[in-house]
Amino acid sequence: MKNNLLEAFNIKVQNNSKDILTDYEIFPDKNLLDALRTKIIENIIDQNMFAKDTSSEFINSQIDAVLTGYDLTKLERNHIYNLIDDEVNGFGPLTELLKDDNISEIMVNSPQEIYIEIDGHIIKDESVSFINNEHIIRTIQRLIQPLGKTIDAKNPMIDSRLADGSRINAVIPPISPKGPVITIRKFIKNTTTMEDLIRTGSLTPYMARFLEAAIKGKLNILISGGSAAGKTSLLNTLSAFINNEERIITIEDAAELDLKQNHVISLETKYNNYVKEDEYTIRDLVINSLRMRPDRIIVGEVRGKEAFDMLQAMNTGQDGSLTTIHANSPIDALNRLESLVLTSGLDIPLKTVRQYISRAIDLVVHIEKMSDGKRKITNICEVNSLEEDNITLSDIFIFEQKGLTETNQVSGEYTLIEKIPHVYEKMKNRGIDLVDDIFKNSKKNNHKDLPHLKK
């Protein structure tokens, strides 16, 4: 799989408008390439000619000045031109990677170690490289300069959003002693529909219909999963089922949700490295949203003090609210939510916190990135009332992995638990009958047209 992806990536790169091949294919002597590139870039730096729309004539003149005496082919010269053009008018070696919609993540570990994620697979990209650590730092500065930010020894870490919505995190010495590191999670406009998730095996049609009913029935839903599991994408997909007449307020660190309803208010956090009074956190925005007459509140991710405010909102009339949390399992999601409330500085007894959670959250939907790179909803659970002061969950749908195929694809099956969940009654009480055939009189049906059953 990895080799196929890399081969496809190299073919795609070769076919793009600049006809870029890998450094090694064009320059067997990579030291020569680095020497020429370094000399040209240093000349440009000396003349302070890093500016958008710098003319091709200027770039060619700089290349001519350095290449005198070198017998290079047209392809080799074009390759150098593209590298320098990217330095002057783009973002250095990252220019083409940032443009490529097939790449979801870019990771620079060192000048010669650049990794990309395509279709859930992380591969080393041999087509690009940096000259040295200073080259990486200069590229970071070019990326964040339009944001009005800087990175240096006094401020060696940056976490921000680029103009296109992509998230950039960069660290440099002294907190990264081996050298600068860049991680860019690219903003990819979510166009995933529920039909797409069914087609790719992320869930079954019955699960999709159940989740649609849950949204339309205004259940409070917590989406959990690990890093890059697809939580935000799933949140966006589920949000499509919200009634077009409702007033929706979304709250995020970086605006990624793309809701199509008419009445959507988007709020985004603001952080300041220097003046704390000039910050607006997720918690600030959740509290403020309650004064904005919302029908629904959608929080991109809870990970701090806002957890308690979100639970309060769910417990005081904001039915149908949705949010995500970083967790490795559904029960871990509730435990983490509990910890966030307890560490928020509020003096609340543990039992009270658990009561808040059990009364506020109706469903936990857990999504995982499997070993084959595909994403699956592995659990849809309902949150029960406290049992002996403990929160418990009941599975409604689960995915059980059976093993791997010969091509290392995950194999398994989805199972419907043979028990009518309490949330079904909530749906019915709100006039939602989308899942009647699944749960109505379920004990009496033979389920021949339903998923596998498990008691």
Protein backbone atom coordinates (compact mmCIF):
# COMPACT_ATOMS: atom_id res chain seq x y z
CA MET A 1 0.00 0.00 0.00
CA LYS A 2 2.73 2.44 0.97
CA ASN A 3 4.70 1.85 -2.23
CA ASN A 4 1.57 2.21 -4.35
CA LEU A 5 0.73 5.52 -2.68
CA LEU A 6 4.26 6.81 -3.14
CA GLU A 7 4.27 5.72 -6.78
CA ALA A 8 0.93 7.44 -7.37
CA PHE A 9 2.21 10.56 -5.64
CA ASN A 10 5.37 10.70 -7.77
CA ILE A 11 3.36 10.21 -10.97
CA LYS A 12 1.02 13.03 -9.92
CA VAL A 13 3.96 15.32 -9.13
CA GLN A 14 5.56 14.61 -12.47
CA ASN A 15 2.34 15.53 -14.26
CA ASN A 16 1.75 18.86 -12.55
CA SER A 17 2.23 22.22 -14.24
CA LYS A 18 5.84 22.61 -13.15
CA ASP A 19 6.88 19.12 -14.22
CA ILE A 20 8.66 18.49 -10.92
CA LEU A 21 10.60 15.26 -10.48
CA THR A 22 12.43 14.20 -7.34
CA ASP A 23 15.80 15.73 -6.57
CA TYR A 24 17.55 12.39 -6.98
CA GLU A 25 16.04 11.78 -10.42
CA ILE A 26 17.31 15.09 -11.75
CA PHE A 27 20.51 15.57 -9.76
CA PRO A 28 22.31 12.30 -8.98
CA ASP A 29 24.85 14.57 -7.26
CA LYS A 30 22.56 16.06 -4.62
CA ASN A 31 25.45 17.95 -3.07
CA LEU A 32 25.73 19.94 -6.29
CA LEU A 33 22.01 20.73 -6.22
CA ASP A 34 22.19 21.90 -2.61
CA ALA A 35 25.27 24.01 -3.34
CA LEU A 36 23.65 25.72 -6.33
CA ARG A 37 20.35 26.24 -4.57
CA THR A 38 22.08 27.61 -1.45
CA LYS A 39 24.19 30.05 -3.43
CA ILE A 40 21.21 31.39 -5.40
CA ILE A 41 19.03 31.76 -2.32
CA GLU A 42 21.83 33.50 -0.41
CA ASN A 43 22.21 35.97 -3.27
CA ILE A 44 18.48 36.70 -3.18
CA ILE A 45 18.54 37.08 0.61
CA ASP A 46 21.43 39.54 0.33
CA GLN A 47 19.34 41.63 -2.06
CA ASN A 48 16.23 41.28 0.13
CA MET A 49 14.20 40.16 -2.84
CA PHE A 50 11.72 37.90 -1.09
CA ALA A 51 8.48 39.46 -2.25
CA LYS A 52 5.30 38.16 -3.83
CA ASP A 53 5.17 38.30 -7.64
CA THR A 54 8.90 38.77 -8.03
CA SER A 55 9.56 38.67 -11.78
CA SER A 56 10.77 35.60 -13.61
CA GLU A 57 13.42 37.79 -15.19
CA PHE A 58 14.95 38.49 -11.79
CA ILE A 59 14.91 34.80 -10.85
CA ASN A 60 16.51 33.82 -14.16
CA SER A 61 19.19 36.48 -13.73
CA GLN A 62 20.09 35.11 -10.32
CA ILE A 63 20.24 31.57 -11.68
CA ASP A 64 22.40 32.68 -14.64
CA ALA A 65 24.83 34.38 -12.28
CA VAL A 66 25.38 31.18 -10.35
CA LEU A 67 25.18 28.57 -13.11
CA THR A 68 27.89 30.09 -15.27
CA GLY A 69 30.35 27.31 -16.00
CA TYR A 70 27.92 24.51 -15.17
CA ASP A 71 26.67 22.34 -18.01
CA LEU A 72 23.10 21.62 -16.96
CA THR A 73 20.28 20.16 -18.99
CA LYS A 74 17.05 22.07 -19.59
CA LEU A 75 15.26 19.80 -17.14
CA GLU A 76 17.88 20.46 -14.45
CA ARG A 77 17.68 24.22 -14.98
CA ASN A 78 13.86 24.16 -14.89
CA HIS A 79 14.01 22.23 -11.64
CA ILE A 80 16.28 24.85 -10.06
CA TYR A 81 14.04 27.63 -11.41
CA ASN A 82 10.98 26.02 -9.77
CA LEU A 83 12.81 25.66 -6.46
CA ILE A 84 13.86 29.31 -6.47
CA ASP A 85 10.45 30.51 -7.66
CA ASP A 86 8.89 28.66 -4.72
CA GLU A 87 11.39 30.34 -2.39
CA VAL A 88 10.70 33.83 -3.70
CA ASN A 89 6.98 33.72 -4.41
CA GLY A 90 5.84 30.78 -2.31
CA PHE A 91 6.74 28.86 0.80
CA GLY A 92 9.91 27.12 -0.25
CA PRO A 93 9.85 23.31 -0.45
CA LEU A 94 6.33 23.25 1.05
CA THR A 95 4.75 25.26 -1.78
CA GLU A 96 3.50 22.37 -3.90
CA LEU A 97 2.57 20.25 -0.88
CA LEU A 98 0.33 23.02 0.43
CA LYS A 99 -1.44 23.21 -2.93
CA ASP A 100 -2.08 19.47 -3.19
CA ASP A 101 -5.62 18.64 -2.04
CA ASN A 102 -4.72 14.95 -1.71
CA ILE A 103 -2.34 15.70 1.16
CA SER A 104 -4.01 16.10 4.56
CA GLU A 105 -0.92 16.55 6.75
CA ILE A 106 2.64 17.83 6.25
CA MET A 107 5.34 16.98 8.81
CA VAL A 108 8.87 18.39 8.63
CA ASN A 109 11.18 16.63 11.08
CA SER A 110 14.51 17.78 9.65
CA PRO A 111 15.84 19.17 6.35
CA GLN A 112 15.81 15.72 4.73
CA GLU A 113 12.82 14.24 6.56
CA ILE A 114 9.51 15.49 5.22
CA TYR A 115 6.49 13.24 5.69
CA ILE A 116 3.01 13.61 4.24
CA GLU A 117 -0.31 11.92 4.91
CA ILE A 118 -2.38 10.71 1.95
CA ASP A 119 -5.58 8.71 2.47
CA GLY A 120 -4.67 8.00 6.06
CA HIS A 121 -1.16 6.71 5.21
CA ILE A 122 1.99 8.54 6.28
CA ILE A 123 4.83 8.31 3.77
CA LYS A 124 8.20 9.97 3.46
CA ASP A 125 8.21 12.41 0.56
CA GLU A 126 11.47 12.06 -1.36
CA SER A 127 10.52 14.79 -3.83
CA VAL A 128 11.33 17.71 -1.52
CA SER A 129 14.01 18.75 0.95
CA PHE A 130 15.34 21.77 2.81
CA ILE A 131 18.92 22.99 2.66
CA ASN A 132 19.44 23.20 6.41
CA ASN A 133 17.71 24.12 9.68
CA GLU A 134 17.95 27.84 8.92
CA HIS A 135 16.07 27.19 5.69
CA ILE A 136 13.25 25.55 7.67
CA ILE A 137 13.08 28.46 10.14
CA ARG A 138 12.98 30.97 7.28
CA THR A 139 10.07 29.03 5.74
CA ILE A 140 8.22 29.06 9.07
CA GLN A 141 8.66 32.82 9.26
CA ARG A 142 7.31 33.27 5.74
CA LEU A 143 4.27 31.15 6.63
CA ILE A 144 3.40 33.08 9.78
CA GLN A 145 4.42 36.58 8.72
CA PRO A 146 0.99 37.34 7.15
CA LEU A 147 -0.57 36.35 10.50
CA GLY A 148 1.33 39.10 12.30
CA LYS A 149 3.29 36.51 14.28
CA THR A 150 6.95 35.69 14.72
CA ILE A 151 9.07 32.82 15.96
CA ASP A 152 12.47 33.20 17.61
CA ALA A 153 14.47 32.05 20.62
CA LYS A 154 12.21 34.03 22.98
CA ASN A 155 9.04 32.69 21.33
CA PRO A 156 10.14 29.26 20.07
CA MET A 157 6.65 27.83 19.51
CA ILE A 158 3.77 28.85 17.27
CA ASP A 159 0.33 27.32 16.95
CA SER A 160 -1.92 29.20 14.58
CA ARG A 161 -4.15 29.08 11.54
CA LEU A 162 -3.00 29.95 8.04
CA ALA A 163 -5.09 32.09 5.71
CA ASP A 164 -6.59 29.02 4.02
CA GLY A 165 -7.71 27.55 7.37
CA SER A 166 -4.86 25.05 7.70
CA ARG A 167 -3.43 24.64 11.19
CA ILE A 168 0.33 25.20 11.63
CA ASN A 169 2.35 24.15 14.65
CA ALA A 170 6.06 24.89 14.67
CA VAL A 171 8.77 24.56 17.30
CA ILE A 172 12.40 25.63 17.11
CA PRO A 173 15.39 25.53 19.49
CA PRO A 174 15.73 25.72 22.42
CA ILE A 175 12.54 23.70 23.03
CA SER A 176 13.34 21.49 20.03
CA PRO A 177 17.07 20.90 20.55
CA LYS A 178 17.62 18.84 17.39
CA GLY A 179 16.21 21.53 15.15
CA PRO A 180 12.96 23.11 13.93
CA VAL A 181 9.87 20.96 13.41
CA ILE A 182 6.77 21.89 11.40
CA THR A 183 3.38 20.18 11.50
CA ILE A 184 0.64 21.45 9.20
CA ARG A 185 -2.82 19.95 9.29
CA LYS A 186 -4.27 21.16 6.04
CA PHE A 187 -7.76 22.55 5.87
CA ILE A 188 -9.71 20.34 3.53
CA LYS A 189 -13.24 21.52 2.94
CA ASN A 190 -15.54 18.80 4.18
CA THR A 191 -17.72 17.42 1.42
CA THR A 192 -18.29 14.03 3.04
CA THR A 193 -21.92 12.95 3.11
CA MET A 194 -23.52 10.13 5.05
CA GLU A 195 -23.75 8.22 1.78
CA ASP A 196 -19.97 8.54 1.41
CA LEU A 197 -19.45 7.09 4.91
CA ILE A 198 -21.74 4.17 4.11
CA ARG A 199 -19.98 3.52 0.81
CA THR A 200 -16.53 3.47 2.44
CA GLY A 201 -17.69 1.16 5.22
CA SER A 202 -17.45 3.69 8.06
CA LEU A 203 -20.92 2.63 9.20
CA THR A 204 -24.01 0.74 8.04
CA PRO A 205 -27.23 2.20 6.59
CA TYR A 206 -29.01 1.34 9.85
CA MET A 207 -26.42 3.23 11.88
CA ALA A 208 -26.68 6.18 9.49
CA ARG A 209 -30.44 6.27 9.86
CA PHE A 210 -30.12 6.01 13.63
CA LEU A 211 -27.71 8.96 13.76
CA GLU A 212 -29.97 11.00 11.49
CA ALA A 213 -32.86 10.29 13.88
CA ALA A 214 -30.65 11.25 16.83
CA ILE A 215 -29.84 14.64 15.29
CA LYS A 216 -33.41 15.34 14.26
CA GLY A 217 -34.60 14.13 17.68
CA LYS A 218 -32.28 16.72 19.32
CA LEU A 219 -30.19 14.27 21.33
CA ASN A 220 -26.98 15.61 22.86
CA ILE A 221 -24.08 13.82 21.20
CA LEU A 222 -20.42 13.48 22.18
CA ILE A 223 -18.14 12.32 19.34
CA SER A 224 -14.94 10.69 20.58
CA GLY A 225 -11.82 9.39 18.90
CA GLY A 226 -8.07 9.61 18.73
CA SER A 227 -5.95 12.12 16.85
CA ALA A 228 -6.85 12.34 13.14
CA ALA A 229 -9.64 9.80 13.62
CA GLY A 230 -12.10 11.98 11.69
CA LYS A 231 -14.05 13.52 14.59
CA THR A 232 -14.48 16.96 13.05
CA SER A 233 -15.40 15.52 9.66
CA LEU A 234 -18.04 13.30 11.28
CA LEU A 235 -19.35 16.24 13.31
CA ASN A 236 -19.72 18.22 10.10
CA THR A 237 -21.51 15.34 8.38
CA LEU A 238 -23.96 14.84 11.24
CA SER A 239 -24.66 18.57 11.42
CA ALA A 240 -26.15 18.41 7.93
CA PHE A 241 -29.27 16.80 9.46
CA ILE A 242 -30.07 19.84 11.62
CA ASN A 243 -33.27 21.61 10.62
CA ASN A 244 -32.65 24.56 8.34
CA GLU A 245 -34.85 26.82 10.49
CA GLU A 246 -32.75 26.43 13.65
CA ARG A 247 -30.27 29.02 14.89
CA ILE A 248 -26.92 27.24 15.21
CA ILE A 249 -23.85 28.62 16.96
CA THR A 250 -20.53 26.91 16.24
CA ILE A 251 -17.52 27.42 18.50
CA GLU A 252 -14.03 26.38 17.37
CA ASP A 253 -10.35 27.15 17.77
CA ALA A 254 -10.09 27.30 13.99
CA ALA A 255 -13.17 27.48 11.82
CA GLU A 256 -13.36 24.10 10.09
CA LEU A 257 -17.07 23.32 10.19
CA ASP A 258 -18.94 24.06 7.00
CA LEU A 259 -22.65 24.05 7.80
CA LYS A 260 -25.08 24.75 4.97
CA GLN A 261 -28.06 25.89 7.04
CA ASN A 262 -29.26 29.48 6.69
CA HIS A 263 -28.94 30.56 10.31
CA VAL A 264 -25.37 29.74 11.40
CA ILE A 265 -23.22 31.93 13.66
CA SER A 266 -19.53 30.97 13.77
CA LEU A 267 -17.38 31.95 16.75
CA GLU A 268 -13.62 31.45 16.84
CA THR A 269 -11.16 31.69 19.72
CA LYS A 270 -8.50 34.35 19.92
CA TYR A 271 -5.21 33.74 21.73
CA ASN A 272 -2.46 36.23 22.45
CA ASN A 273 1.06 35.18 23.38
CA TYR A 274 1.67 38.39 25.27
CA VAL A 275 -1.57 39.85 26.69
CA LYS A 276 -3.80 37.31 28.42
CA GLU A 277 -6.55 39.91 28.82
CA ASP A 278 -6.85 40.02 25.04
CA GLU A 279 -7.78 36.32 24.78
CA TYR A 280 -11.14 34.73 24.06
CA THR A 281 -11.16 31.03 24.92
CA ILE A 282 -13.60 28.25 24.07
CA ARG A 283 -15.05 28.71 27.55
CA ASP A 284 -15.60 32.44 26.99
CA LEU A 285 -17.39 31.71 23.74
CA VAL A 286 -19.56 28.93 25.19
CA ILE A 287 -20.69 31.25 28.00
CA ASN A 288 -21.36 34.05 25.54
CA SER A 289 -23.25 31.78 23.14
CA LEU A 290 -25.91 31.16 25.78
CA ARG A 291 -26.82 34.85 25.52
CA MET A 292 -27.23 34.62 21.75
CA ARG A 293 -30.52 32.69 21.72
CA PRO A 294 -29.13 29.46 20.19
CA ASP A 295 -31.27 26.49 19.19
CA ARG A 296 -28.12 24.39 19.06
CA ILE A 297 -24.55 24.83 20.20
CA ILE A 298 -21.78 22.96 18.40
CA VAL A 299 -18.33 23.01 20.01
CA GLY A 300 -15.53 21.77 17.76
CA GLU A 301 -13.70 20.12 20.66
CA VAL A 302 -13.90 20.26 24.46
CA ARG A 303 -10.53 20.04 26.15
CA GLY A 304 -10.59 22.43 29.09
CA LYS A 305 -12.70 24.41 31.53
CA GLU A 306 -15.45 24.84 28.94
CA ALA A 307 -16.48 21.21 29.57
CA PHE A 308 -18.57 22.22 32.59
CA ASP A 309 -20.22 25.13 30.77
CA MET A 310 -21.06 22.84 27.86
CA LEU A 311 -22.67 20.33 30.23
CA GLN A 312 -24.61 23.12 31.91
CA ALA A 313 -25.91 24.26 28.54
CA MET A 314 -27.01 20.73 27.67
CA ASN A 315 -28.73 20.40 31.04
CA THR A 316 -30.59 23.69 30.76
CA GLY A 317 -32.43 23.49 27.49
CA GLN A 318 -29.78 23.39 24.74
CA ASP A 319 -30.91 20.01 23.45
CA GLY A 320 -29.32 18.76 20.28
CA SER A 321 -25.88 20.11 21.11
CA LEU A 322 -22.83 18.38 19.66
CA THR A 323 -19.15 18.34 20.46
CA THR A 324 -16.03 16.17 20.13
CA ILE A 325 -13.43 14.99 22.60
CA HIS A 326 -10.05 13.29 22.24
CA ALA A 327 -10.36 9.78 23.71
CA ASN A 328 -9.49 6.17 22.91
CA SER A 329 -12.87 4.63 23.78
CA PRO A 330 -16.41 5.72 24.68
CA ILE A 331 -15.91 5.18 28.42
CA ASP A 332 -12.55 6.96 28.21
CA ALA A 333 -14.40 9.90 26.63
CA LEU A 334 -16.70 10.21 29.65
CA ASN A 335 -13.80 9.77 32.07
CA ARG A 336 -11.91 12.53 30.31
CA LEU A 337 -14.95 14.78 30.36
CA GLU A 338 -15.20 14.13 34.09
CA SER A 339 -11.52 14.99 34.58
CA LEU A 340 -11.86 18.22 32.62
CA VAL A 341 -14.67 19.37 34.90
CA LEU A 342 -12.84 18.33 38.08
CA THR A 343 -9.65 20.14 37.06
CA SER A 344 -11.45 23.32 36.03
CA GLY A 345 -11.08 24.86 39.48
CA LEU A 346 -14.75 24.48 40.38
CA ASP A 347 -15.53 22.97 43.76
CA ILE A 348 -18.01 20.34 42.63
CA PRO A 349 -18.41 16.88 44.24
CA LEU A 350 -17.53 13.93 42.00
CA LYS A 351 -21.05 12.50 42.20
CA THR A 352 -22.52 15.81 41.06
CA VAL A 353 -20.16 15.92 38.08
CA ARG A 354 -21.19 12.41 37.07
CA GLN A 355 -24.85 13.32 37.42
CA TYR A 356 -24.28 16.30 35.16
CA ILE A 357 -22.63 14.09 32.53
CA SER A 358 -25.24 11.31 32.67
CA ARG A 359 -28.10 13.80 32.37
CA ALA A 360 -26.46 15.94 29.69
CA ILE A 361 -25.02 13.42 27.20
CA ASP A 362 -27.43 11.10 25.41
CA LEU A 363 -25.05 9.37 22.99
CA VAL A 364 -21.33 8.75 22.60
CA VAL A 365 -20.29 8.07 19.01
CA HIS A 366 -16.75 6.70 18.82
CA ILE A 367 -14.75 6.78 15.58
CA GLU A 368 -11.37 5.17 14.98
CA LYS A 369 -8.68 5.27 12.34
CA MET A 370 -8.01 1.60 11.67
CA SER A 371 -4.65 0.00 10.90
CA ASP A 372 -5.44 0.08 7.15
CA GLY A 373 -5.94 3.86 7.27
CA LYS A 374 -9.72 3.70 6.95
CA ARG A 375 -12.03 5.28 9.50
CA LYS A 376 -14.89 3.42 11.14
CA ILE A 377 -17.52 4.28 13.70
CA THR A 378 -16.80 1.47 16.14
CA ASN A 379 -19.38 2.31 18.82
CA ILE A 380 -22.67 4.10 19.19
CA CYS A 381 -23.56 4.02 22.89
CA GLU A 382 -26.17 5.59 25.11
CA VAL A 383 -25.27 7.07 28.47
CA ASN A 384 -27.20 5.48 31.35
CA SER A 385 -28.30 6.96 34.66
CA LEU A 386 -25.82 6.60 37.49
CA GLU A 387 -25.45 3.12 38.91
CA GLU A 388 -23.91 3.15 42.40
CA ASP A 389 -22.53 6.62 41.67
CA ASN A 390 -20.78 5.42 38.48
CA ILE A 391 -21.50 6.35 34.88
CA THR A 392 -22.22 3.40 32.61
CA LEU A 393 -22.71 3.02 28.88
CA SER A 394 -24.86 0.66 26.84
CA ASP A 395 -23.81 -0.23 23.30
CA ILE A 396 -26.40 0.17 20.57
CA PHE A 397 -24.17 -0.54 17.55
CA ILE A 398 -20.63 -1.90 17.67
CA PHE A 399 -17.98 -2.88 15.16
CA GLU A 400 -16.13 -6.09 15.93
CA GLN A 401 -12.85 -6.59 14.11
CA LYS A 402 -12.26 -10.18 13.03
CA GLY A 403 -8.79 -9.80 11.56
CA LEU A 404 -6.97 -8.61 8.45
CA THR A 405 -7.32 -9.65 4.82
CA GLU A 406 -4.39 -10.77 2.67
CA THR A 407 -3.93 -7.13 1.64
CA ASN A 408 -3.94 -5.99 5.30
CA GLN A 409 -7.44 -4.52 5.11
CA VAL A 410 -9.40 -4.62 8.35
CA SER A 411 -12.24 -7.15 8.28
CA GLY A 412 -15.10 -7.39 10.73
CA GLU A 413 -18.82 -6.87 11.14
CA TYR A 414 -21.25 -4.39 12.65
CA THR A 415 -23.63 -5.62 15.31
CA LEU A 416 -26.90 -4.24 16.63
CA ILE A 417 -27.41 -4.99 20.31
CA GLU A 418 -30.81 -6.62 20.87
CA LYS A 419 -32.09 -4.14 23.38
CA ILE A 420 -34.35 -1.15 22.89
CA PRO A 421 -32.31 1.90 23.99
CA HIS A 422 -33.87 4.58 26.15
CA VAL A 423 -33.00 7.22 23.55
CA TYR A 424 -35.47 5.57 21.17
CA GLU A 425 -38.28 6.80 23.42
CA LYS A 426 -36.80 10.32 23.33
CA MET A 427 -36.87 10.20 19.55
CA LYS A 428 -40.47 8.98 19.52
CA ASN A 429 -41.54 11.68 21.98
CA ARG A 430 -40.19 14.27 19.52
CA GLY A 431 -42.05 12.77 16.59
CA ILE A 432 -39.07 11.03 14.98
CA ASP A 433 -39.99 7.64 13.52
CA LEU A 434 -36.98 7.00 11.27
CA VAL A 435 -35.88 3.92 13.24
CA ASP A 436 -39.22 2.32 14.10
CA ASP A 437 -38.46 -0.71 11.94
CA ILE A 438 -35.24 -1.29 13.89
CA PHE A 439 -36.50 -0.95 17.44
CA LYS A 440 -40.29 -1.16 17.51
CA ASN A 441 -41.26 -4.55 18.93
CA SER A 442 -37.68 -5.63 18.37
CA LYS A 443 -38.06 -8.69 20.61
CA LYS A 444 -40.88 -9.99 18.39
CA ASN A 445 -39.22 -9.44 15.02
CA ASN A 446 -37.06 -12.09 13.41
CA HIS A 447 -34.59 -9.37 12.30
CA LYS A 448 -33.90 -11.12 9.02
CA ASP A 449 -33.41 -7.72 7.37
CA LEU A 450 -31.41 -6.17 10.23
CA PRO A 451 -27.72 -6.32 11.19
CA HIS A 452 -26.37 -9.20 13.23
CA LEU A 453 -27.87 -9.19 16.70
CA LYS A 454 -26.11 -9.55 19.96
CA LYS A 455 -27.79 -9.87 23.35
